[in-house]
């Protein structure tokens, strides 16, 4: 899930973050999300071509990305399932194939792109 301050994305928190950074370290349910979230967030922009986004998702091996405006305001999340429904299974299938490869490339979504 995205973690935001106002409309700015400041991190993401997953079940894995909770298990590894909270439960495994003995932190209680009152632990602030900021203490266990991932701060290095991968993202895409709302005006990017879905083919490019799907390719990037495969490269960085993720199934979902936060969607930001160009001034970096959070406007949504896109998943491979969203792409399969709206763009057809081909793009999503190619991304899943890339995600499923062990030790895939790790480029960065958002910010400096490759």
PDB file of N, CA and C in Angstrom:
ATOM      1  N   UNK A   1       0.836  -1.169   0.000  1.00  0.00           N
ATOM      2  CA  UNK A   1       0.000   0.000   0.000  1.00  0.00           C
ATOM      3  C   UNK A   1       0.886   1.240   0.000  1.00  0.00           C
ATOM      4  N   UNK A   2       0.436   2.276  -0.681  1.00  0.00           N
ATOM      5  CA  UNK A   2       1.209   3.524  -0.671  1.00  0.00           C
ATOM      6  C   UNK A   2       1.090   4.239   0.674  1.00  0.00           C
ATOM      7  N   UNK A   3       2.160   4.891   1.046  1.00  0.00           N
ATOM      8  CA  UNK A   3       2.177   5.723   2.250  1.00  0.00           C
ATOM      9  C   UNK A   3       2.415   7.138   1.758  1.00  0.00           C
ATOM     10  N   UNK A   4       1.574   8.049   2.180  1.00  0.00           N
ATOM     11  CA  UNK A   4       1.696   9.413   1.680  1.00  0.00           C
ATOM     12  C   UNK A   4       1.587  10.425   2.800  1.00  0.00           C
ATOM     13  N   UNK A   5       2.119  11.585   2.514  1.00  0.00           N
ATOM     14  CA  UNK A   5       1.930  12.765   3.345  1.00  0.00           C
ATOM     15  C   UNK A   5       1.215  13.750   2.450  1.00  0.00           C
ATOM     16  N   UNK A   6      -0.018  14.077   2.790  1.00  0.00           N
ATOM     17  CA  UNK A   6      -0.817  14.897   1.883  1.00  0.00           C
ATOM     18  C   UNK A   6      -1.016  14.123   0.602  1.00  0.00           C
ATOM     19  N   UNK A   7      -0.637  14.713  -0.512  1.00  0.00           N
ATOM     20  CA  UNK A   7      -0.745  14.011  -1.794  1.00  0.00           C
ATOM     21  C   UNK A   7       0.612  13.577  -2.327  1.00  0.00           C
ATOM     22  N   UNK A   8       1.615  13.530  -1.470  1.00  0.00           N
ATOM     23  CA  UNK A   8       2.980  13.129  -1.856  1.00  0.00           C
ATOM     24  C   UNK A   8       3.272  11.713  -1.381  1.00  0.00           C
ATOM     25  N   UNK A   9       3.777  10.894  -2.277  1.00  0.00           N
ATOM     26  CA  UNK A   9       4.157   9.528  -1.960  1.00  0.00           C
ATOM     27  C   UNK A   9       5.483   9.548  -1.196  1.00  0.00           C
ATOM     28  N   UNK A  10       5.503   8.949  -0.009  1.00  0.00           N
ATOM     29  CA  UNK A  10       6.730   8.931   0.793  1.00  0.00           C
ATOM     30  C   UNK A  10       7.249   7.518   1.029  1.00  0.00           C
ATOM     31  N   UNK A  11       6.467   6.515   0.667  1.00  0.00           N
ATOM     32  CA  UNK A  11       6.902   5.136   0.851  1.00  0.00           C
ATOM     33  C   UNK A  11       5.819   4.154   0.451  1.00  0.00           C
ATOM     34  N   UNK A  12       6.158   2.890   0.611  1.00  0.00           N
ATOM     35  CA  UNK A  12       5.207   1.802   0.379  1.00  0.00           C
ATOM     36  C   UNK A  12       5.351   0.843   1.546  1.00  0.00           C
ATOM     37  N   UNK A  13       4.258   0.193   1.911  1.00  0.00           N
ATOM     38  CA  UNK A  13       4.322  -0.838   2.938  1.00  0.00           C
ATOM     39  C   UNK A  13       3.636  -2.086   2.409  1.00  0.00           C
ATOM     40  N   UNK A  14       4.320  -3.205   2.570  1.00  0.00           N
ATOM     41  CA  UNK A  14       3.809  -4.493   2.101  1.00  0.00           C
ATOM     42  C   UNK A  14       3.715  -5.458   3.274  1.00  0.00           C
ATOM     43  N   UNK A  15       3.092  -6.584   3.025  1.00  0.00           N
ATOM     44  CA  UNK A  15       3.040  -7.618   4.057  1.00  0.00           C
ATOM     45  C   UNK A  15       4.451  -8.073   4.427  1.00  0.00           C
ATOM     46  N   UNK A  16       5.335  -8.076   3.452  1.00  0.00           N
ATOM     47  CA  UNK A  16       6.726  -8.465   3.722  1.00  0.00           C
ATOM     48  C   UNK A  16       7.415  -7.446   4.632  1.00  0.00           C
ATOM     49  N   UNK A  17       7.189  -6.147   4.382  1.00  0.00           N
ATOM     50  CA  UNK A  17       7.746  -5.114   5.259  1.00  0.00           C
ATOM     51  C   UNK A  17       7.304  -5.343   6.701  1.00  0.00           C
ATOM     52  N   UNK A  18       6.020  -5.630   6.880  1.00  0.00           N
ATOM     53  CA  UNK A  18       5.481  -5.844   8.223  1.00  0.00           C
ATOM     54  C   UNK A  18       6.115  -7.074   8.862  1.00  0.00           C
ATOM     55  N   UNK A  19       6.222  -8.161   8.083  1.00  0.00           N
ATOM     56  CA  UNK A  19       6.796  -9.398   8.625  1.00  0.00           C
ATOM     57  C   UNK A  19       8.270  -9.240   8.978  1.00  0.00           C
ATOM     58  N   UNK A  20       9.047  -8.638   8.089  1.00  0.00           N
ATOM     59  CA  UNK A  20      10.498  -8.558   8.271  1.00  0.00           C
ATOM     60  C   UNK A  20      10.916  -7.417   9.195  1.00  0.00           C
ATOM     61  N   UNK A  21      10.301  -6.257   9.019  1.00  0.00           N
ATOM     62  CA  UNK A  21      10.755  -5.086   9.771  1.00  0.00           C
ATOM     63  C   UNK A  21       9.957  -4.822  11.048  1.00  0.00           C
ATOM     64  N   UNK A  22       8.853  -5.488  11.223  1.00  0.00           N
ATOM     65  CA  UNK A  22       8.058  -5.258  12.437  1.00  0.00           C
ATOM     66  C   UNK A  22       7.973  -6.542  13.270  1.00  0.00           C
ATOM     67  N   UNK A  23       7.290  -7.541  12.766  1.00  0.00           N
ATOM     68  CA  UNK A  23       7.050  -8.763  13.532  1.00  0.00           C
ATOM     69  C   UNK A  23       8.366  -9.455  13.892  1.00  0.00           C
ATOM     70  N   UNK A  24       9.250  -9.661  12.909  1.00  0.00           N
ATOM     71  CA  UNK A  24      10.508 -10.368  13.159  1.00  0.00           C
ATOM     72  C   UNK A  24      11.399  -9.620  14.148  1.00  0.00           C
ATOM     73  N   UNK A  25      11.242  -8.302  14.224  1.00  0.00           N
ATOM     74  CA  UNK A  25      12.042  -7.510  15.147  1.00  0.00           C
ATOM     75  C   UNK A  25      11.312  -7.261  16.470  1.00  0.00           C
ATOM     76  N   UNK A  26      10.143  -7.891  16.645  1.00  0.00           N
ATOM     77  CA  UNK A  26       9.421  -7.795  17.903  1.00  0.00           C
ATOM     78  C   UNK A  26       8.701  -6.475  18.126  1.00  0.00           C
ATOM     79  N   UNK A  27       8.455  -5.732  17.055  1.00  0.00           N
ATOM     80  CA  UNK A  27       7.744  -4.457  17.202  1.00  0.00           C
ATOM     81  C   UNK A  27       6.246  -4.714  17.332  1.00  0.00           C
ATOM     82  N   UNK A  28       5.582  -3.885  18.106  1.00  0.00           N
ATOM     83  CA  UNK A  28       4.161  -4.066  18.366  1.00  0.00           C
ATOM     84  C   UNK A  28       3.283  -3.378  17.335  1.00  0.00           C
ATOM     85  N   UNK A  29       1.959  -3.566  17.486  1.00  0.00           N
ATOM     86  CA  UNK A  29       1.001  -3.001  16.530  1.00  0.00           C
ATOM     87  C   UNK A  29       0.919  -1.473  16.576  1.00  0.00           C
ATOM     88  N   UNK A  30       1.501  -0.864  17.587  1.00  0.00           N
ATOM     89  CA  UNK A  30       1.496   0.595  17.664  1.00  0.00           C
ATOM     90  C   UNK A  30       2.722   1.223  16.984  1.00  0.00           C
ATOM     91  N   UNK A  31       3.542   0.411  16.343  1.00  0.00           N
ATOM     92  CA  UNK A  31       4.728   0.903  15.638  1.00  0.00           C
ATOM     93  C   UNK A  31       4.294   1.774  14.458  1.00  0.00           C
ATOM     94  N   UNK A  32       4.856   2.975  14.330  1.00  0.00           N
ATOM     95  CA  UNK A  32       4.502   3.834  13.191  1.00  0.00           C
ATOM     96  C   UNK A  32       4.877   3.185  11.857  1.00  0.00           C
ATOM     97  N   UNK A  33       4.026   3.357  10.874  1.00  0.00           N
ATOM     98  CA  UNK A  33       4.260   2.811   9.539  1.00  0.00           C
ATOM     99  C   UNK A  33       5.616   3.261   9.003  1.00  0.00           C
ATOM    100  N   UNK A  34       5.990   4.506   9.245  1.00  0.00           N
ATOM    101  CA  UNK A  34       7.268   5.036   8.751  1.00  0.00           C
ATOM    102  C   UNK A  34       8.473   4.202   9.182  1.00  0.00           C
ATOM    103  N   UNK A  35       8.361   3.513  10.320  1.00  0.00           N
ATOM    104  CA  UNK A  35       9.480   2.713  10.814  1.00  0.00           C
ATOM    105  C   UNK A  35       9.673   1.416  10.039  1.00  0.00           C
ATOM    106  N   UNK A  36       8.654   0.958   9.338  1.00  0.00           N
ATOM    107  CA  UNK A  36       8.762  -0.333   8.657  1.00  0.00           C
ATOM    108  C   UNK A  36       8.529  -0.255   7.151  1.00  0.00           C
ATOM    109  N   UNK A  37       8.140   0.890   6.647  1.00  0.00           N
ATOM    110  CA  UNK A  37       7.847   1.026   5.209  1.00  0.00           C
ATOM    111  C   UNK A  37       9.136   1.032   4.391  1.00  0.00           C
ATOM    112  N   UNK A  38       8.983   0.791   3.112  1.00  0.00           N
ATOM    113  CA  UNK A  38      10.075   0.917   2.150  1.00  0.00           C
ATOM    114  C   UNK A  38      10.051   2.337   1.619  1.00  0.00           C
ATOM    115  N   UNK A  39      11.176   3.029   1.748  1.00  0.00           N
ATOM    116  CA  UNK A  39      11.232   4.420   1.299  1.00  0.00           C
ATOM    117  C   UNK A  39      11.623   4.552  -0.162  1.00  0.00           C
ATOM    118  N   UNK A  40      12.376   3.595  -0.701  1.00  0.00           N
ATOM    119  CA  UNK A  40      12.824   3.645  -2.091  1.00  0.00           C
ATOM    120  C   UNK A  40      11.696   3.136  -2.987  1.00  0.00           C
ATOM    121  N   UNK A  41      10.801   4.040  -3.359  1.00  0.00           N
ATOM    122  CA  UNK A  41       9.594   3.664  -4.085  1.00  0.00           C
ATOM    123  C   UNK A  41       9.820   3.728  -5.592  1.00  0.00           C
ATOM    124  N   UNK A  42       9.432   2.677  -6.275  1.00  0.00           N
ATOM    125  CA  UNK A  42       9.422   2.648  -7.734  1.00  0.00           C
ATOM    126  C   UNK A  42       8.052   3.133  -8.168  1.00  0.00           C
ATOM    127  N   UNK A  43       7.992   3.894  -9.245  1.00  0.00           N
ATOM    128  CA  UNK A  43       6.717   4.458  -9.672  1.00  0.00           C
ATOM    129  C   UNK A  43       6.739   4.729 -11.171  1.00  0.00           C
ATOM    130  N   UNK A  44       5.575   5.100 -11.707  1.00  0.00           N
ATOM    131  CA  UNK A  44       5.470   5.533 -13.098  1.00  0.00           C
ATOM    132  C   UNK A  44       4.661   6.824 -13.112  1.00  0.00           C
ATOM    133  N   UNK A  45       4.671   7.475 -14.266  1.00  0.00           N
ATOM    134  CA  UNK A  45       3.900   8.712 -14.415  1.00  0.00           C
ATOM    135  C   UNK A  45       2.607   8.431 -15.161  1.00  0.00           C
ATOM    136  N   UNK A  46       1.576   9.209 -14.868  1.00  0.00           N
ATOM    137  CA  UNK A  46       0.249   8.994 -15.436  1.00  0.00           C
ATOM    138  C   UNK A  46       0.203   9.147 -16.949  1.00  0.00           C
ATOM    139  N   UNK A  47       1.162   9.868 -17.546  1.00  0.00           N
ATOM    140  CA  UNK A  47       1.136  10.080 -18.990  1.00  0.00           C
ATOM    141  C   UNK A  47       2.081   9.149 -19.757  1.00  0.00           C
ATOM    142  N   UNK A  48       2.662   8.174 -19.074  1.00  0.00           N
ATOM    143  CA  UNK A  48       3.554   7.224 -19.737  1.00  0.00           C
ATOM    144  C   UNK A  48       2.757   6.207 -20.546  1.00  0.00           C
ATOM    145  N   UNK A  49       3.357   5.716 -21.593  1.00  0.00           N
ATOM    146  CA  UNK A  49       2.768   4.678 -22.428  1.00  0.00           C
ATOM    147  C   UNK A  49       2.741   3.365 -21.649  1.00  0.00           C
ATOM    148  N   UNK A  50       1.612   2.657 -21.676  1.00  0.00           N
ATOM    149  CA  UNK A  50       1.483   1.432 -20.896  1.00  0.00           C
ATOM    150  C   UNK A  50       2.485   0.357 -21.322  1.00  0.00           C
ATOM    151  N   UNK A  51       2.867   0.346 -22.581  1.00  0.00           N
ATOM    152  CA  UNK A  51       3.866  -0.629 -23.025  1.00  0.00           C
ATOM    153  C   UNK A  51       5.204  -0.387 -22.319  1.00  0.00           C
ATOM    154  N   UNK A  52       5.581   0.887 -22.191  1.00  0.00           N
ATOM    155  CA  UNK A  52       6.815   1.227 -21.482  1.00  0.00           C
ATOM    156  C   UNK A  52       6.715   0.871 -20.002  1.00  0.00           C
ATOM    157  N   UNK A  53       5.557   1.137 -19.401  1.00  0.00           N
ATOM    158  CA  UNK A  53       5.358   0.828 -17.991  1.00  0.00           C
ATOM    159  C   UNK A  53       5.440  -0.683 -17.778  1.00  0.00           C
ATOM    160  N   UNK A  54       4.787  -1.460 -18.637  1.00  0.00           N
ATOM    161  CA  UNK A  54       4.823  -2.922 -18.516  1.00  0.00           C
ATOM    162  C   UNK A  54       6.252  -3.441 -18.649  1.00  0.00           C
ATOM    163  N   UNK A  55       7.004  -2.905 -19.580  1.00  0.00           N
ATOM    164  CA  UNK A  55       8.393  -3.315 -19.772  1.00  0.00           C
ATOM    165  C   UNK A  55       9.215  -2.990 -18.518  1.00  0.00           C
ATOM    166  N   UNK A  56       9.000  -1.809 -17.970  1.00  0.00           N
ATOM    167  CA  UNK A  56       9.725  -1.414 -16.768  1.00  0.00           C
ATOM    168  C   UNK A  56       9.338  -2.292 -15.576  1.00  0.00           C
ATOM    169  N   UNK A  57       8.065  -2.640 -15.469  1.00  0.00           N
ATOM    170  CA  UNK A  57       7.620  -3.524 -14.393  1.00  0.00           C
ATOM    171  C   UNK A  57       8.326  -4.873 -14.498  1.00  0.00           C
ATOM    172  N   UNK A  58       8.493  -5.374 -15.711  1.00  0.00           N
ATOM    173  CA  UNK A  58       9.216  -6.630 -15.912  1.00  0.00           C
ATOM    174  C   UNK A  58      10.676  -6.472 -15.507  1.00  0.00           C
ATOM    175  N   UNK A  59      11.292  -5.372 -15.908  1.00  0.00           N
ATOM    176  CA  UNK A  59      12.709  -5.137 -15.591  1.00  0.00           C
ATOM    177  C   UNK A  59      12.962  -5.072 -14.092  1.00  0.00           C
ATOM    178  N   UNK A  60      12.090  -4.395 -13.365  1.00  0.00           N
ATOM    179  CA  UNK A  60      12.310  -4.235 -11.923  1.00  0.00           C
ATOM    180  C   UNK A  60      11.565  -5.289 -11.109  1.00  0.00           C
ATOM    181  N   UNK A  61      10.873  -6.175 -11.793  1.00  0.00           N
ATOM    182  CA  UNK A  61      10.180  -7.330 -11.215  1.00  0.00           C
ATOM    183  C   UNK A  61       9.149  -6.943 -10.152  1.00  0.00           C
ATOM    184  N   UNK A  62       8.200  -6.110 -10.557  1.00  0.00           N
ATOM    185  CA  UNK A  62       7.078  -5.752  -9.687  1.00  0.00           C
ATOM    186  C   UNK A  62       5.766  -5.943 -10.442  1.00  0.00           C
ATOM    187  N   UNK A  63       4.702  -6.172  -9.721  1.00  0.00           N
ATOM    188  CA  UNK A  63       3.380  -6.372 -10.315  1.00  0.00           C
ATOM    189  C   UNK A  63       2.489  -5.151 -10.213  1.00  0.00           C
ATOM    190  N   UNK A  64       2.896  -4.187  -9.391  1.00  0.00           N
ATOM    191  CA  UNK A  64       2.121  -2.951  -9.199  1.00  0.00           C
ATOM    192  C   UNK A  64       3.067  -1.779  -9.082  1.00  0.00           C
ATOM    193  N   UNK A  65       2.606  -0.619  -9.549  1.00  0.00           N
ATOM    194  CA  UNK A  65       3.378   0.616  -9.398  1.00  0.00           C
ATOM    195  C   UNK A  65       2.442   1.753  -9.013  1.00  0.00           C
ATOM    196  N   UNK A  66       2.864   2.599  -8.089  1.00  0.00           N
ATOM    197  CA  UNK A  66       2.119   3.835  -7.859  1.00  0.00           C
ATOM    198  C   UNK A  66       2.185   4.696  -9.117  1.00  0.00           C
ATOM    199  N   UNK A  67       1.136   5.443  -9.366  1.00  0.00           N
ATOM    200  CA  UNK A  67       1.074   6.345 -10.522  1.00  0.00           C
ATOM    201  C   UNK A  67       1.103   7.775  -9.994  1.00  0.00           C
ATOM    202  N   UNK A  68       2.042   8.572 -10.516  1.00  0.00           N
ATOM    203  CA  UNK A  68       2.215   9.948 -10.089  1.00  0.00           C
ATOM    204  C   UNK A  68       1.991  10.907 -11.244  1.00  0.00           C
ATOM    205  N   UNK A  69       1.609  12.138 -10.902  1.00  0.00           N
ATOM    206  CA  UNK A  69       1.605  13.206 -11.902  1.00  0.00           C
ATOM    207  C   UNK A  69       3.055  13.630 -12.091  1.00  0.00           C
ATOM    208  N   UNK A  70       3.319  14.447 -13.099  1.00  0.00           N
ATOM    209  CA  UNK A  70       4.690  14.900 -13.331  1.00  0.00           C
ATOM    210  C   UNK A  70       5.222  15.770 -12.192  1.00  0.00           C
ATOM    211  N   UNK A  71       4.331  16.355 -11.393  1.00  0.00           N
ATOM    212  CA  UNK A  71       4.812  17.094 -10.226  1.00  0.00           C
ATOM    213  C   UNK A  71       4.786  16.199  -8.971  1.00  0.00           C
ATOM    214  N   UNK A  72       4.777  14.878  -9.221  1.00  0.00           N
ATOM    215  CA  UNK A  72       4.944  13.829  -8.213  1.00  0.00           C
ATOM    216  C   UNK A  72       3.849  13.772  -7.158  1.00  0.00           C
ATOM    217  N   UNK A  73       2.616  13.997  -7.599  1.00  0.00           N
ATOM    218  CA  UNK A  73       1.470  13.803  -6.720  1.00  0.00           C
ATOM    219  C   UNK A  73       0.860  12.436  -7.022  1.00  0.00           C
ATOM    220  N   UNK A  74       0.548  11.695  -5.969  1.00  0.00           N
ATOM    221  CA  UNK A  74      -0.011  10.353  -6.109  1.00  0.00           C
ATOM    222  C   UNK A  74      -1.437  10.424  -6.643  1.00  0.00           C
ATOM    223  N   UNK A  75      -1.697   9.704  -7.748  1.00  0.00           N
ATOM    224  CA  UNK A  75      -3.043   9.692  -8.320  1.00  0.00           C
ATOM    225  C   UNK A  75      -3.635   8.290  -8.447  1.00  0.00           C
ATOM    226  N   UNK A  76      -2.825   7.251  -8.183  1.00  0.00           N
ATOM    227  CA  UNK A  76      -3.363   5.904  -8.282  1.00  0.00           C
ATOM    228  C   UNK A  76      -2.283   4.842  -8.253  1.00  0.00           C
ATOM    229  N   UNK A  77      -2.706   3.614  -8.536  1.00  0.00           N
ATOM    230  CA  UNK A  77      -1.798   2.472  -8.632  1.00  0.00           C
ATOM    231  C   UNK A  77      -2.203   1.696  -9.869  1.00  0.00           C
ATOM    232  N   UNK A  78      -1.215   1.227 -10.619  1.00  0.00           N
ATOM    233  CA  UNK A  78      -1.509   0.382 -11.775  1.00  0.00           C
ATOM    234  C   UNK A  78      -0.939  -1.003 -11.511  1.00  0.00           C
ATOM    235  N   UNK A  79      -1.691  -2.011 -11.905  1.00  0.00           N
ATOM    236  CA  UNK A  79      -1.251  -3.392 -11.733  1.00  0.00           C
ATOM    237  C   UNK A  79      -1.227  -4.081 -13.088  1.00  0.00           C
ATOM    238  N   UNK A  80      -0.559  -5.217 -13.136  1.00  0.00           N
ATOM    239  CA  UNK A  80      -0.561  -6.001 -14.371  1.00  0.00           C
ATOM    240  C   UNK A  80      -1.984  -6.443 -14.714  1.00  0.00           C
ATOM    241  N   UNK A  81      -2.798  -6.693 -13.697  1.00  0.00           N
ATOM    242  CA  UNK A  81      -4.196  -7.051 -13.938  1.00  0.00           C
ATOM    243  C   UNK A  81      -4.950  -5.935 -14.631  1.00  0.00           C
ATOM    244  N   UNK A  82      -4.693  -4.677 -14.214  1.00  0.00           N
ATOM    245  CA  UNK A  82      -5.309  -3.530 -14.880  1.00  0.00           C
ATOM    246  C   UNK A  82      -4.939  -3.513 -16.356  1.00  0.00           C
ATOM    247  N   UNK A  83      -3.659  -3.738 -16.629  1.00  0.00           N
ATOM    248  CA  UNK A  83      -3.198  -3.711 -18.021  1.00  0.00           C
ATOM    249  C   UNK A  83      -3.792  -4.840 -18.834  1.00  0.00           C
ATOM    250  N   UNK A  84      -3.922  -6.013 -18.227  1.00  0.00           N
ATOM    251  CA  UNK A  84      -4.484  -7.159 -18.948  1.00  0.00           C
ATOM    252  C   UNK A  84      -5.920  -6.874 -19.358  1.00  0.00           C
ATOM    253  N   UNK A  85      -6.674  -6.220 -18.482  1.00  0.00           N
ATOM    254  CA  UNK A  85      -8.080  -5.933 -18.756  1.00  0.00           C
ATOM    255  C   UNK A  85      -8.223  -4.833 -19.803  1.00  0.00           C
ATOM    256  N   UNK A  86      -7.428  -3.766 -19.684  1.00  0.00           N
ATOM    257  CA  UNK A  86      -7.615  -2.611 -20.568  1.00  0.00           C
ATOM    258  C   UNK A  86      -6.766  -2.641 -21.826  1.00  0.00           C
ATOM    259  N   UNK A  87      -5.594  -3.255 -21.760  1.00  0.00           N
ATOM    260  CA  UNK A  87      -4.685  -3.227 -22.903  1.00  0.00           C
ATOM    261  C   UNK A  87      -4.556  -4.568 -23.600  1.00  0.00           C
ATOM    262  N   UNK A  88      -5.094  -5.605 -23.014  1.00  0.00           N
ATOM    263  CA  UNK A  88      -4.964  -6.940 -23.577  1.00  0.00           C
ATOM    264  C   UNK A  88      -3.912  -7.736 -22.831  1.00  0.00           C
ATOM    265  N   UNK A  89      -4.023  -9.025 -22.908  1.00  0.00           N
ATOM    266  CA  UNK A  89      -3.161  -9.916 -22.137  1.00  0.00           C
ATOM    267  C   UNK A  89      -1.716  -9.919 -22.611  1.00  0.00           C
ATOM    268  N   UNK A  90      -1.451  -9.520 -23.835  1.00  0.00           N
ATOM    269  CA  UNK A  90      -0.098  -9.586 -24.377  1.00  0.00           C
ATOM    270  C   UNK A  90       0.902  -8.788 -23.560  1.00  0.00           C
ATOM    271  N   UNK A  91       0.621  -7.497 -23.303  1.00  0.00           N
ATOM    272  CA  UNK A  91       1.540  -6.658 -22.527  1.00  0.00           C
ATOM    273  C   UNK A  91       1.728  -7.199 -21.125  1.00  0.00           C
ATOM    274  N   UNK A  92       0.652  -7.538 -20.475  1.00  0.00           N
ATOM    275  CA  UNK A  92       0.731  -8.050 -19.110  1.00  0.00           C
ATOM    276  C   UNK A  92       1.485  -9.369 -19.086  1.00  0.00           C
ATOM    277  N   UNK A  93       1.241 -10.217 -20.077  1.00  0.00           N
ATOM    278  CA  UNK A  93       1.929 -11.504 -20.144  1.00  0.00           C
ATOM    279  C   UNK A  93       3.422 -11.347 -20.295  1.00  0.00           C
ATOM    280  N   UNK A  94       3.848 -10.409 -21.126  1.00  0.00           N
ATOM    281  CA  UNK A  94       5.279 -10.161 -21.293  1.00  0.00           C
ATOM    282  C   UNK A  94       5.890  -9.649 -19.989  1.00  0.00           C
ATOM    283  N   UNK A  95       5.182  -8.792 -19.293  1.00  0.00           N
ATOM    284  CA  UNK A  95       5.682  -8.274 -18.021  1.00  0.00           C
ATOM    285  C   UNK A  95       5.779  -9.402 -16.989  1.00  0.00           C
ATOM    286  N   UNK A  96       4.769 -10.265 -16.923  1.00  0.00           N
ATOM    287  CA  UNK A  96       4.806 -11.382 -15.982  1.00  0.00           C
ATOM    288  C   UNK A  96       5.986 -12.294 -16.296  1.00  0.00           C
ATOM    289  N   UNK A  97       6.248 -12.530 -17.560  1.00  0.00           N
ATOM    290  CA  UNK A  97       7.394 -13.363 -17.935  1.00  0.00           C
ATOM    291  C   UNK A  97       8.694 -12.746 -17.420  1.00  0.00           C
ATOM    292  N   UNK A  98       8.832 -11.441 -17.547  1.00  0.00           N
ATOM    293  CA  UNK A  98      10.024 -10.764 -17.041  1.00  0.00           C
ATOM    294  C   UNK A  98      10.107 -10.791 -15.535  1.00  0.00           C
ATOM    295  N   UNK A  99       8.980 -10.616 -14.874  1.00  0.00           N
ATOM    296  CA  UNK A  99       8.939 -10.620 -13.414  1.00  0.00           C
ATOM    297  C   UNK A  99       9.305 -12.003 -12.872  1.00  0.00           C
ATOM    298  N   UNK A 100       8.903 -13.029 -13.598  1.00  0.00           N
ATOM    299  CA  UNK A 100       9.090 -14.396 -13.126  1.00  0.00           C
ATOM    300  C   UNK A 100      10.510 -14.903 -13.310  1.00  0.00           C
ATOM    301  N   UNK A 101      11.340 -14.196 -14.062  1.00  0.00           N
ATOM    302  CA  UNK A 101      12.719 -14.633 -14.261  1.00  0.00           C
ATOM    303  C   UNK A 101      13.536 -14.326 -13.013  1.00  0.00           C
ATOM    304  N   UNK A 102      14.269 -15.329 -12.510  1.00  0.00           N
ATOM    305  CA  UNK A 102      15.086 -15.076 -11.324  1.00  0.00           C
ATOM    306  C   UNK A 102      16.216 -14.099 -11.645  1.00  0.00           C
ATOM    307  N   UNK A 103      16.505 -13.215 -10.683  1.00  0.00           N
ATOM    308  CA  UNK A 103      17.627 -12.289 -10.828  1.00  0.00           C
ATOM    309  C   UNK A 103      17.485 -11.337 -11.976  1.00  0.00           C
ATOM    310  N   UNK A 104      16.244 -10.879 -12.255  1.00  0.00           N
ATOM    311  CA  UNK A 104      16.007  -9.953 -13.357  1.00  0.00           C
ATOM    312  C   UNK A 104      16.754  -8.653 -13.180  1.00  0.00           C
ATOM    313  N   UNK A 105      16.752  -7.850 -14.221  1.00  0.00           N
ATOM    314  CA  UNK A 105      17.405  -6.552 -14.161  1.00  0.00           C
ATOM    315  C   UNK A 105      16.706  -5.709 -13.120  1.00  0.00           C
ATOM    316  N   UNK A 106      17.418  -4.788 -12.550  1.00  0.00           N
ATOM    317  CA  UNK A 106      16.831  -3.936 -11.521  1.00  0.00           C
ATOM    318  C   UNK A 106      17.027  -2.480 -11.871  1.00  0.00           C
ATOM    319  N   UNK A 107      16.352  -2.026 -12.926  1.00  0.00           N
ATOM    320  CA  UNK A 107      16.373  -0.605 -13.242  1.00  0.00           C
ATOM    321  C   UNK A 107      15.422   0.092 -12.290  1.00  0.00           C
ATOM    322  N   UNK A 108      15.335   1.381 -12.343  1.00  0.00           N
ATOM    323  CA  UNK A 108      14.489   2.126 -11.399  1.00  0.00           C
ATOM    324  C   UNK A 108      13.347   2.773 -12.128  1.00  0.00           C
ATOM    325  N   UNK A 109      12.131   2.543 -11.624  1.00  0.00           N
ATOM    326  CA  UNK A 109      10.967   3.223 -12.178  1.00  0.00           C
ATOM    327  C   UNK A 109      10.920   4.613 -11.599  1.00  0.00           C
ATOM    328  N   UNK A 110      10.512   5.553 -12.399  1.00  0.00           N
ATOM    329  CA  UNK A 110      10.469   6.927 -11.935  1.00  0.00           C
ATOM    330  C   UNK A 110      11.878   7.451 -11.806  1.00  0.00           C
ATOM    331  N   UNK A 111      12.009   8.711 -11.568  1.00  0.00           N
ATOM    332  CA  UNK A 111      13.344   9.287 -11.446  1.00  0.00           C
ATOM    333  C   UNK A 111      14.170   8.945 -12.670  1.00  0.00           C
ATOM    334  N   UNK A 112      15.449   8.647 -12.489  1.00  0.00           N
ATOM    335  CA  UNK A 112      16.278   8.268 -13.641  1.00  0.00           C
ATOM    336  C   UNK A 112      15.793   6.949 -14.223  1.00  0.00           C
ATOM    337  N   UNK A 113      15.441   6.958 -15.468  1.00  0.00           N
ATOM    338  CA  UNK A 113      14.901   5.757 -16.121  1.00  0.00           C
ATOM    339  C   UNK A 113      15.900   5.228 -17.114  1.00  0.00           C
ATOM    340  N   UNK A 114      15.840   3.931 -17.340  1.00  0.00           N
ATOM    341  CA  UNK A 114      16.700   3.345 -18.357  1.00  0.00           C
ATOM    342  C   UNK A 114      15.886   2.897 -19.527  1.00  0.00           C
TER     343      UNK A 114
END
